[in-house]
Amino acid sequence: QFKLEVEPVWGPTSGAFNLNTPLIHPTTNDNITFSKLMFYVSGYELKKTDGTIVKRSGLYHLLDASKTDGMLVTIDSIPEGNYSEVSFIIGVDSTRNVSGAQTGALDPANGMFWSWNTGYIFFKAEGTSPQSPSGIFRYHIGGFKEVNNAIRKVTMNTGISVLGIRPNASPQLHVMMNVARLWHGGILMANVNDIHMPGQAAMDMATRYQAAFTLDHIHN
């Protein structure tokens, strides 16, 4: 097994990110305070140093910045070996979106589900901003059908390090997520403050947060 820890950070200096704490966006200067940050991680794939691919499908984790250890997950049943690349999906695959009522991380009671037609909310960020016309922002990102597909894959190479899976070890990937990238490219809160359905705006934001994830280091 190995552990995946996502650490939300803020801006080019990787500054501290906390819920209910005012932040200034580094390029737009918008004032932003998050009250919620949640997203699904699934579809794990690992590549061994010899090129072998190991897939760990059927695992769905809901990461939640409001919970203690809410951004830390354990992925079991990984064969022993040295791995040079790890990838995962931000979202829920199309099969599970249309598979009826489910439990655990995919339980609709978690508040990450729209309907059987539009499926799961892959990523949810909410909060307040004086630059928003309504005073709040609400990003509920999803969409599994091809024309509005907001499922995004994150791939990270371990570089000179390797992820060593051993019977008596539980290495940990420490991944940073730069939350400021939600507005990367000068996206203004005044213009984009409410996304609540599949479509182009959701896909654009999904592409921006896809680029927010970077491997910081590995604890072997």
C-alpha atoms as a PDB file:
ATOM      1  CA  GLN A   1       0.000   0.000   0.000  1.00  0.00           C
ATOM      2  CA  PHE A   2       0.888   3.655  -0.166  1.00  0.00           C
ATOM      3  CA  LYS A   3      -0.594   6.872   1.110  1.00  0.00           C
ATOM      4  CA  LEU A   4      -1.521   9.964  -0.839  1.00  0.00           C
ATOM      5  CA  GLU A   5      -1.572  13.253   1.010  1.00  0.00           C
ATOM      6  CA  VAL A   6      -2.789  16.404  -0.721  1.00  0.00           C
ATOM      7  CA  GLU A   7      -1.725  19.692   0.831  1.00  0.00           C
ATOM      8  CA  PRO A   8      -3.656  22.740  -0.390  1.00  0.00           C
ATOM      9  CA  VAL A   9      -1.354  25.744  -0.823  1.00  0.00           C
ATOM     10  CA  TRP A  10      -1.809  29.263  -2.174  1.00  0.00           C
ATOM     11  CA  GLY A  11      -0.029  31.149  -4.927  1.00  0.00           C
ATOM     12  CA  PRO A  12       3.487  31.073  -6.407  1.00  0.00           C
ATOM     13  CA  THR A  13       5.124  30.989  -2.983  1.00  0.00           C
ATOM     14  CA  SER A  14       3.024  27.958  -1.943  1.00  0.00           C
ATOM     15  CA  GLY A  15       1.704  29.944   0.999  1.00  0.00           C
ATOM     16  CA  ALA A  16      -0.628  28.621   3.664  1.00  0.00           C
ATOM     17  CA  PHE A  17      -4.180  27.731   2.671  1.00  0.00           C
ATOM     18  CA  ASN A  18      -6.880  27.430   5.310  1.00  0.00           C
ATOM     19  CA  LEU A  19     -10.642  27.448   5.210  1.00  0.00           C
ATOM     20  CA  ASN A  20     -12.396  30.501   6.661  1.00  0.00           C
ATOM     21  CA  THR A  21      -9.227  32.557   6.260  1.00  0.00           C
ATOM     22  CA  PRO A  22      -9.066  35.577   3.900  1.00  0.00           C
ATOM     23  CA  LEU A  23      -6.719  35.171   0.946  1.00  0.00           C
ATOM     24  CA  ILE A  24      -5.585  37.570  -1.763  1.00  0.00           C
ATOM     25  CA  HIS A  25      -5.258  36.144  -5.257  1.00  0.00           C
ATOM     26  CA  PRO A  26      -1.692  36.775  -6.489  1.00  0.00           C
ATOM     27  CA  THR A  27      -2.672  38.031  -9.963  1.00  0.00           C
ATOM     28  CA  THR A  28      -6.234  39.352  -9.747  1.00  0.00           C
ATOM     29  CA  ASN A  29      -5.984  40.785  -6.195  1.00  0.00           C
ATOM     30  CA  ASP A  30      -9.472  39.461  -5.499  1.00  0.00           C
ATOM     31  CA  ASN A  31     -10.270  38.842  -1.824  1.00  0.00           C
ATOM     32  CA  ILE A  32     -11.268  35.208  -1.379  1.00  0.00           C
ATOM     33  CA  THR A  33     -12.357  33.249   1.703  1.00  0.00           C
ATOM     34  CA  PHE A  34     -13.081  29.545   1.313  1.00  0.00           C
ATOM     35  CA  SER A  35     -15.705  27.809   3.418  1.00  0.00           C
ATOM     36  CA  LYS A  36     -15.549  24.482   1.563  1.00  0.00           C
ATOM     37  CA  LEU A  37     -13.087  22.514  -0.565  1.00  0.00           C
ATOM     38  CA  MET A  38     -13.950  18.927  -1.531  1.00  0.00           C
ATOM     39  CA  PHE A  39     -13.129  16.699  -4.483  1.00  0.00           C
ATOM     40  CA  TYR A  40     -13.076  13.078  -5.620  1.00  0.00           C
ATOM     41  CA  VAL A  41      -9.878  11.153  -6.350  1.00  0.00           C
ATOM     42  CA  SER A  42     -10.109   7.805  -8.149  1.00  0.00           C
ATOM     43  CA  GLY A  43      -8.731   5.760 -11.049  1.00  0.00           C
ATOM     44  CA  TYR A  44      -5.264   5.197  -9.614  1.00  0.00           C
ATOM     45  CA  GLU A  45      -2.516   3.996 -11.977  1.00  0.00           C
ATOM     46  CA  LEU A  46       1.132   3.358 -11.151  1.00  0.00           C
ATOM     47  CA  LYS A  47       4.017   2.709 -13.528  1.00  0.00           C
ATOM     48  CA  LYS A  48       6.947   0.590 -12.369  1.00  0.00           C
ATOM     49  CA  THR A  49      10.502   1.526 -13.266  1.00  0.00           C
ATOM     50  CA  ASP A  50      10.429  -1.391 -15.769  1.00  0.00           C
ATOM     51  CA  GLY A  51       7.388   0.134 -17.488  1.00  0.00           C
ATOM     52  CA  THR A  52       4.768  -2.227 -16.046  1.00  0.00           C
ATOM     53  CA  ILE A  53       1.418  -0.523 -15.396  1.00  0.00           C
ATOM     54  CA  VAL A  54      -0.600  -1.324 -12.274  1.00  0.00           C
ATOM     55  CA  LYS A  55      -4.200  -0.126 -12.174  1.00  0.00           C
ATOM     56  CA  ARG A  56      -6.214   0.186  -8.978  1.00  0.00           C
ATOM     57  CA  SER A  57      -9.751   0.789 -10.168  1.00  0.00           C
ATOM     58  CA  GLY A  58     -12.891   0.730  -8.044  1.00  0.00           C
ATOM     59  CA  LEU A  59     -11.439   3.004  -5.359  1.00  0.00           C
ATOM     60  CA  TYR A  60     -13.150   6.347  -4.775  1.00  0.00           C
ATOM     61  CA  HIS A  61     -11.955   8.805  -2.147  1.00  0.00           C
ATOM     62  CA  LEU A  62     -13.658  12.054  -1.230  1.00  0.00           C
ATOM     63  CA  LEU A  63     -11.091  14.543   0.032  1.00  0.00           C
ATOM     64  CA  ASP A  64     -12.409  17.257   2.334  1.00  0.00           C
ATOM     65  CA  ALA A  65     -10.283  20.127   3.612  1.00  0.00           C
ATOM     66  CA  SER A  66     -12.617  20.671   6.579  1.00  0.00           C
ATOM     67  CA  LYS A  67     -11.811  17.313   8.190  1.00  0.00           C
ATOM     68  CA  THR A  68      -8.783  16.235  10.164  1.00  0.00           C
ATOM     69  CA  ASP A  69      -6.763  14.024   7.803  1.00  0.00           C
ATOM     70  CA  GLY A  70      -9.469  14.714   5.244  1.00  0.00           C
ATOM     71  CA  MET A  71      -6.820  15.126   2.541  1.00  0.00           C
ATOM     72  CA  LEU A  72      -5.016  11.851   3.277  1.00  0.00           C
ATOM     73  CA  VAL A  73      -5.974   8.498   1.740  1.00  0.00           C
ATOM     74  CA  THR A  74      -4.535   4.987   1.696  1.00  0.00           C
ATOM     75  CA  ILE A  75      -4.417   2.906  -1.485  1.00  0.00           C
ATOM     76  CA  ASP A  76      -4.181  -0.817  -0.729  1.00  0.00           C
ATOM     77  CA  SER A  77      -3.304  -3.907  -2.769  1.00  0.00           C
ATOM     78  CA  ILE A  78      -0.401  -2.450  -4.745  1.00  0.00           C
ATOM     79  CA  PRO A  79       2.165  -5.076  -5.830  1.00  0.00           C
ATOM     80  CA  GLU A  80       5.645  -4.823  -4.396  1.00  0.00           C
ATOM     81  CA  GLY A  81       8.091  -2.894  -6.543  1.00  0.00           C
ATOM     82  CA  ASN A  82       9.612   0.450  -7.437  1.00  0.00           C
ATOM     83  CA  TYR A  83       7.336   2.946  -9.143  1.00  0.00           C
ATOM     84  CA  SER A  84       8.364   5.979 -11.165  1.00  0.00           C
ATOM     85  CA  GLU A  85       4.970   7.444 -12.067  1.00  0.00           C
ATOM     86  CA  VAL A  86       1.620   7.810 -10.336  1.00  0.00           C
ATOM     87  CA  SER A  87      -1.603   9.081 -11.829  1.00  0.00           C
ATOM     88  CA  PHE A  88      -5.134   9.549 -10.582  1.00  0.00           C
ATOM     89  CA  ILE A  89      -8.405  11.017 -11.755  1.00  0.00           C
ATOM     90  CA  ILE A  90     -10.107  14.046 -10.273  1.00  0.00           C
ATOM     91  CA  GLY A  91     -13.712  12.955 -10.586  1.00  0.00           C
ATOM     92  CA  VAL A  92     -15.833   9.826 -10.938  1.00  0.00           C
ATOM     93  CA  ASP A  93     -15.806   7.632 -14.048  1.00  0.00           C
ATOM     94  CA  SER A  94     -18.872   7.466 -16.274  1.00  0.00           C
ATOM     95  CA  THR A  95     -19.817   3.930 -15.188  1.00  0.00           C
ATOM     96  CA  ARG A  96     -20.228   4.896 -11.543  1.00  0.00           C
ATOM     97  CA  ASN A  97     -22.134   8.033 -12.518  1.00  0.00           C
ATOM     98  CA  VAL A  98     -24.957   5.896 -13.886  1.00  0.00           C
ATOM     99  CA  SER A  99     -24.787   2.922 -11.498  1.00  0.00           C
ATOM    100  CA  GLY A 100     -27.629   3.872  -9.154  1.00  0.00           C
ATOM    101  CA  ALA A 101     -27.508   4.636  -5.447  1.00  0.00           C
ATOM    102  CA  GLN A 102     -24.128   3.914  -3.874  1.00  0.00           C
ATOM    103  CA  THR A 103     -22.459   3.936  -0.483  1.00  0.00           C
ATOM    104  CA  GLY A 104     -19.252   5.154   1.133  1.00  0.00           C
ATOM    105  CA  ALA A 105     -17.512   8.043  -0.589  1.00  0.00           C
ATOM    106  CA  LEU A 106     -20.089   7.884  -3.394  1.00  0.00           C
ATOM    107  CA  ASP A 107     -23.111   8.114  -1.100  1.00  0.00           C
ATOM    108  CA  PRO A 108     -25.326  10.990  -2.336  1.00  0.00           C
ATOM    109  CA  ALA A 109     -25.656  12.012   1.325  1.00  0.00           C
ATOM    110  CA  ASN A 110     -22.142  13.472   1.039  1.00  0.00           C
ATOM    111  CA  GLY A 111     -23.622  16.333  -0.952  1.00  0.00           C
ATOM    112  CA  MET A 112     -21.572  15.623  -4.068  1.00  0.00           C
ATOM    113  CA  PHE A 113     -24.352  14.408  -6.355  1.00  0.00           C
ATOM    114  CA  TRP A 114     -26.724  16.249  -8.682  1.00  0.00           C
ATOM    115  CA  SER A 115     -28.955  13.662 -10.354  1.00  0.00           C
ATOM    116  CA  TRP A 116     -28.717  10.432 -12.334  1.00  0.00           C
ATOM    117  CA  ASN A 117     -28.688  12.493 -15.519  1.00  0.00           C
ATOM    118  CA  THR A 118     -25.880  14.894 -14.619  1.00  0.00           C
ATOM    119  CA  GLY A 119     -24.110  12.615 -12.111  1.00  0.00           C
ATOM    120  CA  TYR A 120     -21.572  13.440  -9.443  1.00  0.00           C
ATOM    121  CA  ILE A 121     -20.034  16.752  -8.496  1.00  0.00           C
ATOM    122  CA  PHE A 122     -16.332  16.026  -8.928  1.00  0.00           C
ATOM    123  CA  PHE A 123     -15.051  19.173  -7.276  1.00  0.00           C
ATOM    124  CA  LYS A 124     -16.752  21.614  -4.937  1.00  0.00           C
ATOM    125  CA  ALA A 125     -15.387  24.955  -3.746  1.00  0.00           C
ATOM    126  CA  GLU A 126     -17.485  27.550  -1.943  1.00  0.00           C
ATOM    127  CA  GLY A 127     -16.886  30.741  -0.053  1.00  0.00           C
ATOM    128  CA  THR A 128     -17.203  34.507  -0.039  1.00  0.00           C
ATOM    129  CA  SER A 129     -15.645  37.389  -1.919  1.00  0.00           C
ATOM    130  CA  PRO A 130     -16.502  41.097  -1.989  1.00  0.00           C
ATOM    131  CA  GLN A 131     -15.613  41.072  -5.698  1.00  0.00           C
ATOM    132  CA  SER A 132     -18.435  38.633  -6.454  1.00  0.00           C
ATOM    133  CA  PRO A 133     -21.693  40.400  -7.412  1.00  0.00           C
ATOM    134  CA  SER A 134     -23.563  38.114  -5.004  1.00  0.00           C
ATOM    135  CA  GLY A 135     -20.876  38.255  -2.304  1.00  0.00           C
ATOM    136  CA  ILE A 136     -20.300  34.504  -2.603  1.00  0.00           C
ATOM    137  CA  PHE A 137     -18.709  32.042  -4.987  1.00  0.00           C
ATOM    138  CA  ARG A 138     -19.894  28.516  -5.685  1.00  0.00           C
ATOM    139  CA  TYR A 139     -18.045  26.144  -7.977  1.00  0.00           C
ATOM    140  CA  HIS A 140     -19.711  22.743  -8.377  1.00  0.00           C
ATOM    141  CA  ILE A 141     -17.754  21.050 -11.162  1.00  0.00           C
ATOM    142  CA  GLY A 142     -18.870  17.876 -12.901  1.00  0.00           C
ATOM    143  CA  GLY A 143     -19.972  16.357 -16.169  1.00  0.00           C
ATOM    144  CA  PHE A 144     -19.161  12.833 -17.386  1.00  0.00           C
ATOM    145  CA  LYS A 145     -20.773  12.836 -20.835  1.00  0.00           C
ATOM    146  CA  GLU A 146     -18.277  13.376 -23.627  1.00  0.00           C
ATOM    147  CA  VAL A 147     -19.468  16.760 -24.845  1.00  0.00           C
ATOM    148  CA  ASN A 148     -19.196  18.155 -21.298  1.00  0.00           C
ATOM    149  CA  ASN A 149     -16.546  15.829 -19.869  1.00  0.00           C
ATOM    150  CA  ALA A 150     -14.905  17.413 -16.814  1.00  0.00           C
ATOM    151  CA  ILE A 151     -13.055  14.268 -15.675  1.00  0.00           C
ATOM    152  CA  ARG A 152      -9.368  15.141 -15.477  1.00  0.00           C
ATOM    153  CA  LYS A 153      -6.288  12.936 -15.047  1.00  0.00           C
ATOM    154  CA  VAL A 154      -3.273  14.047 -13.017  1.00  0.00           C
ATOM    155  CA  THR A 155       0.055  12.340 -13.791  1.00  0.00           C
ATOM    156  CA  MET A 156       3.163  12.805 -11.678  1.00  0.00           C
ATOM    157  CA  ASN A 157       6.657  11.508 -12.331  1.00  0.00           C
ATOM    158  CA  THR A 158       8.689  10.728  -9.225  1.00  0.00           C
ATOM    159  CA  GLY A 159      11.880  12.112 -10.767  1.00  0.00           C
ATOM    160  CA  ILE A 160      15.078  10.900  -9.141  1.00  0.00           C
ATOM    161  CA  SER A 161      13.048   9.341  -6.319  1.00  0.00           C
ATOM    162  CA  VAL A 162      11.015   6.169  -6.630  1.00  0.00           C
ATOM    163  CA  LEU A 163       7.911   5.093  -4.787  1.00  0.00           C
ATOM    164  CA  GLY A 164       9.046   1.872  -3.142  1.00  0.00           C
ATOM    165  CA  ILE A 165       6.168  -0.476  -2.293  1.00  0.00           C
ATOM    166  CA  ARG A 166       7.236  -3.121   0.226  1.00  0.00           C
ATOM    167  CA  PRO A 167       5.334  -5.577   2.445  1.00  0.00           C
ATOM    168  CA  ASN A 168       6.265  -3.781   5.652  1.00  0.00           C
ATOM    169  CA  ALA A 169       6.366  -0.198   4.409  1.00  0.00           C
ATOM    170  CA  SER A 170       3.725   2.407   3.684  1.00  0.00           C
ATOM    171  CA  PRO A 171       5.369   5.152   1.615  1.00  0.00           C
ATOM    172  CA  GLN A 172       3.577   8.451   1.254  1.00  0.00           C
ATOM    173  CA  LEU A 173       3.245  10.744  -1.741  1.00  0.00           C
ATOM    174  CA  HIS A 174       3.067  14.351  -0.611  1.00  0.00           C
ATOM    175  CA  VAL A 175       1.225  16.295  -3.304  1.00  0.00           C
ATOM    176  CA  MET A 176       0.654  20.024  -3.309  1.00  0.00           C
ATOM    177  CA  MET A 177      -2.505  21.536  -4.745  1.00  0.00           C
ATOM    178  CA  ASN A 178      -2.196  25.212  -5.590  1.00  0.00           C
ATOM    179  CA  VAL A 179      -5.784  26.351  -5.064  1.00  0.00           C
ATOM    180  CA  ALA A 180      -5.113  29.782  -6.577  1.00  0.00           C
ATOM    181  CA  ARG A 181      -5.035  28.102  -9.982  1.00  0.00           C
ATOM    182  CA  LEU A 182      -8.844  28.038  -9.972  1.00  0.00           C
ATOM    183  CA  TRP A 183      -8.498  31.602 -11.268  1.00  0.00           C
ATOM    184  CA  HIS A 184      -5.319  31.052 -13.276  1.00  0.00           C
ATOM    185  CA  GLY A 185      -4.944  33.251 -16.304  1.00  0.00           C
ATOM    186  CA  GLY A 186      -6.578  36.284 -14.745  1.00  0.00           C
ATOM    187  CA  ILE A 187     -10.075  34.849 -14.230  1.00  0.00           C
ATOM    188  CA  LEU A 188     -11.932  37.481 -12.222  1.00  0.00           C
ATOM    189  CA  MET A 189     -14.315  36.668  -9.415  1.00  0.00           C
ATOM    190  CA  ALA A 190     -16.590  39.390 -10.795  1.00  0.00           C
ATOM    191  CA  ASN A 191     -17.021  37.362 -13.983  1.00  0.00           C
ATOM    192  CA  VAL A 192     -16.831  33.737 -12.821  1.00  0.00           C
ATOM    193  CA  ASN A 193     -18.378  33.213  -9.405  1.00  0.00           C
ATOM    194  CA  ASP A 194     -21.048  30.549  -9.905  1.00  0.00           C
ATOM    195  CA  ILE A 195     -20.657  27.278 -11.810  1.00  0.00           C
ATOM    196  CA  HIS A 196     -23.311  24.734 -10.943  1.00  0.00           C
ATOM    197  CA  MET A 197     -23.841  22.511 -13.970  1.00  0.00           C
ATOM    198  CA  PRO A 198     -21.864  20.632 -16.645  1.00  0.00           C
ATOM    199  CA  GLY A 199     -20.723  22.773 -19.557  1.00  0.00           C
ATOM    200  CA  GLN A 200     -17.836  24.788 -20.931  1.00  0.00           C
ATOM    201  CA  ALA A 201     -17.268  26.807 -17.747  1.00  0.00           C
ATOM    202  CA  ALA A 202     -17.005  23.605 -15.698  1.00  0.00           C
ATOM    203  CA  MET A 203     -14.604  22.023 -18.182  1.00  0.00           C
ATOM    204  CA  ASP A 204     -12.415  25.136 -18.213  1.00  0.00           C
ATOM    205  CA  MET A 205     -12.168  25.183 -14.436  1.00  0.00           C
ATOM    206  CA  ALA A 206     -11.457  21.442 -14.359  1.00  0.00           C
ATOM    207  CA  THR A 207      -8.509  22.008 -16.695  1.00  0.00           C
ATOM    208  CA  ARG A 208      -7.236  24.769 -14.422  1.00  0.00           C
ATOM    209  CA  TYR A 209      -7.379  22.712 -11.232  1.00  0.00           C
ATOM    210  CA  GLN A 210      -5.893  19.714 -13.050  1.00  0.00           C
ATOM    211  CA  ALA A 211      -2.710  21.770 -13.344  1.00  0.00           C
ATOM    212  CA  ALA A 212      -2.821  22.653  -9.639  1.00  0.00           C
ATOM    213  CA  PHE A 213      -1.441  19.276  -8.502  1.00  0.00           C
ATOM    214  CA  THR A 214       2.319  18.751  -8.245  1.00  0.00           C
ATOM    215  CA  LEU A 215       4.409  16.126  -6.472  1.00  0.00           C
ATOM    216  CA  ASP A 216       6.403  17.738  -3.681  1.00  0.00           C
ATOM    217  CA  HIS A 217       8.216  14.770  -2.142  1.00  0.00           C
ATOM    218  CA  ILE A 218       7.980  11.113  -1.210  1.00  0.00           C
ATOM    219  CA  HIS A 219       8.296   9.605   2.278  1.00  0.00           C
ATOM    220  CA  ASN A 220       9.628   6.091   1.723  1.00  0.00           C
END
